[in-house]
Amino acid sequence: MTATTQQPTAPARTTTAPERTGARTPEAAELIGGARERIDALDDRIIGLVQERMAVSAVIQEARIGSGGRRVNLSREMEVLAHYRDALGKPGTALAMTLLELCRGRV
C-alpha cells in the first residue's frame, strides 16, 4: 500500500458582487449583474444565429459546387462586407470577415 501525501487546500474564497463586477456600490453591482445576464443571453442567441448561418452557407456552397460553380462568390461576399460596414462602421467589416471565414473557411 502506497501512502499519498495530501497538500493542504486553501479555504474557498467567496467574492462579493462588487468584487465580481468591479462596481463600487451594491446598487451598481446589481445593475451590472443584471446587464451581464442579458449580455450572456444575447451572446447565446448570437452564437445560435452564427451556427444557423454556417449551416445555410454550407447548403449554398454545396449547391454551387454541385452545379459546377465555385465554392466562393466574391461579389456576394463584397455585398456582405459592405452591409456590415454600413451598419457598424469599420469594425463591422472585421466582424463580417470573421463570419465569412467561419461560414466558408479561409480562401
Protein backbone atom coordinates (compact mmCIF):
# COMPACT_ATOMS: atom_id res chain seq x y z
CA MET A 1 0.00 0.00 0.00
CA THR A 2 1.37 3.36 -1.00
CA ALA A 3 0.89 6.39 1.19
CA THR A 4 -0.14 9.57 -0.53
CA THR A 5 0.57 12.99 0.79
CA GLN A 6 -2.24 15.46 0.51
CA GLN A 7 -1.43 19.09 0.07
CA PRO A 8 -3.36 21.42 2.33
CA THR A 9 -6.01 23.28 0.40
CA ALA A 10 -6.80 26.90 0.88
CA PRO A 11 -10.32 27.64 2.01
CA ALA A 12 -12.60 28.68 -0.82
CA ARG A 13 -12.78 32.44 -1.05
CA THR A 14 -16.14 33.88 -1.88
CA THR A 15 -16.25 37.15 -3.70
CA THR A 16 -18.82 39.82 -3.19
CA ALA A 17 -20.92 41.22 -6.02
CA PRO A 18 -18.92 44.47 -6.12
CA GLU A 19 -15.70 42.46 -6.40
CA ARG A 20 -17.10 40.34 -9.26
CA THR A 21 -18.38 43.34 -11.19
CA GLY A 22 -15.80 45.98 -10.39
CA ALA A 23 -18.59 48.20 -9.10
CA ARG A 24 -18.09 50.48 -6.12
CA THR A 25 -21.62 50.22 -4.75
CA PRO A 26 -24.08 47.36 -4.24
CA GLU A 27 -26.60 49.16 -6.46
CA ALA A 28 -24.15 49.39 -9.35
CA ALA A 29 -23.13 45.77 -8.80
CA GLU A 30 -26.77 44.69 -9.04
CA LEU A 31 -27.29 46.69 -12.23
CA ILE A 32 -24.10 45.27 -13.77
CA GLY A 33 -25.03 41.73 -12.75
CA GLY A 34 -28.42 42.03 -14.45
CA ALA A 35 -26.92 43.58 -17.56
CA ARG A 36 -24.31 40.82 -17.75
CA GLU A 37 -27.08 38.21 -17.63
CA ARG A 38 -28.73 39.95 -20.60
CA ILE A 39 -25.41 40.04 -22.46
CA ASP A 40 -24.87 36.32 -21.78
CA ALA A 41 -28.35 35.58 -23.17
CA LEU A 42 -27.66 37.75 -26.22
CA ASP A 43 -24.33 36.00 -26.77
CA ASP A 44 -26.09 32.64 -26.71
CA ARG A 45 -28.57 33.88 -29.33
CA ILE A 46 -25.77 35.32 -31.47
CA ILE A 47 -23.87 32.03 -31.34
CA GLY A 48 -27.02 30.17 -32.37
CA LEU A 49 -27.56 32.56 -35.28
CA VAL A 50 -23.94 32.19 -36.42
CA GLN A 51 -24.31 28.40 -36.33
CA GLU A 52 -27.51 28.69 -38.35
CA ARG A 53 -25.76 30.98 -40.85
CA MET A 54 -22.95 28.43 -41.18
CA ALA A 55 -25.46 25.67 -41.97
CA VAL A 56 -27.25 27.79 -44.60
CA SER A 57 -23.91 28.77 -46.13
CA ALA A 58 -22.93 25.10 -46.37
CA VAL A 59 -26.14 24.38 -48.33
CA ILE A 60 -25.38 27.26 -50.71
CA GLN A 61 -21.77 26.14 -51.23
CA GLU A 62 -22.84 22.56 -51.84
CA ALA A 63 -25.42 23.66 -54.43
CA ARG A 64 -22.95 25.99 -56.13
CA ILE A 65 -20.20 23.34 -56.31
CA GLY A 66 -22.68 20.64 -57.33
CA SER A 67 -23.74 22.76 -60.29
CA GLY A 68 -20.14 23.23 -61.42
CA GLY A 69 -19.63 26.62 -59.80
CA ARG A 70 -17.02 27.86 -57.40
CA ARG A 71 -17.26 27.49 -53.64
CA VAL A 72 -17.00 31.26 -53.09
CA ASN A 73 -18.90 34.07 -54.80
CA LEU A 74 -16.69 37.12 -54.29
CA SER A 75 -19.27 39.66 -55.46
CA ARG A 76 -21.72 38.35 -52.85
CA GLU A 77 -19.03 38.50 -50.17
CA MET A 78 -18.36 42.13 -51.09
CA GLU A 79 -22.09 42.84 -50.62
CA VAL A 80 -21.97 41.24 -47.16
CA LEU A 81 -18.87 43.23 -46.21
CA ALA A 82 -20.49 46.49 -47.35
CA HIS A 83 -23.70 45.68 -45.45
CA TYR A 84 -21.83 45.15 -42.18
CA ARG A 85 -19.57 48.17 -42.75
CA ASP A 86 -22.56 50.42 -43.47
CA ALA A 87 -24.39 49.20 -40.36
CA LEU A 88 -21.47 49.02 -37.90
CA GLY A 89 -18.62 51.07 -39.34
CA LYS A 90 -15.09 49.80 -39.82
CA PRO A 91 -15.35 47.16 -37.04
CA GLY A 92 -18.34 45.78 -38.96
CA THR A 93 -16.02 44.85 -41.81
CA ALA A 94 -13.83 42.82 -39.45
CA LEU A 95 -16.91 41.14 -37.99
CA ALA A 96 -18.18 40.28 -41.48
CA MET A 97 -14.77 38.87 -42.44
CA THR A 98 -14.86 36.64 -39.37
CA LEU A 99 -18.38 35.47 -40.20
CA LEU A 100 -17.42 34.76 -43.81
CA GLU A 101 -14.38 32.80 -42.66
CA LEU A 102 -16.49 30.78 -40.24
CA CYS A 103 -19.03 30.05 -42.95
CA ARG A 104 -16.75 29.19 -45.83
CA GLY A 105 -13.29 28.73 -44.36
CA ARG A 106 -10.16 30.59 -45.39
CA VAL A 107 -9.82 31.38 -49.08
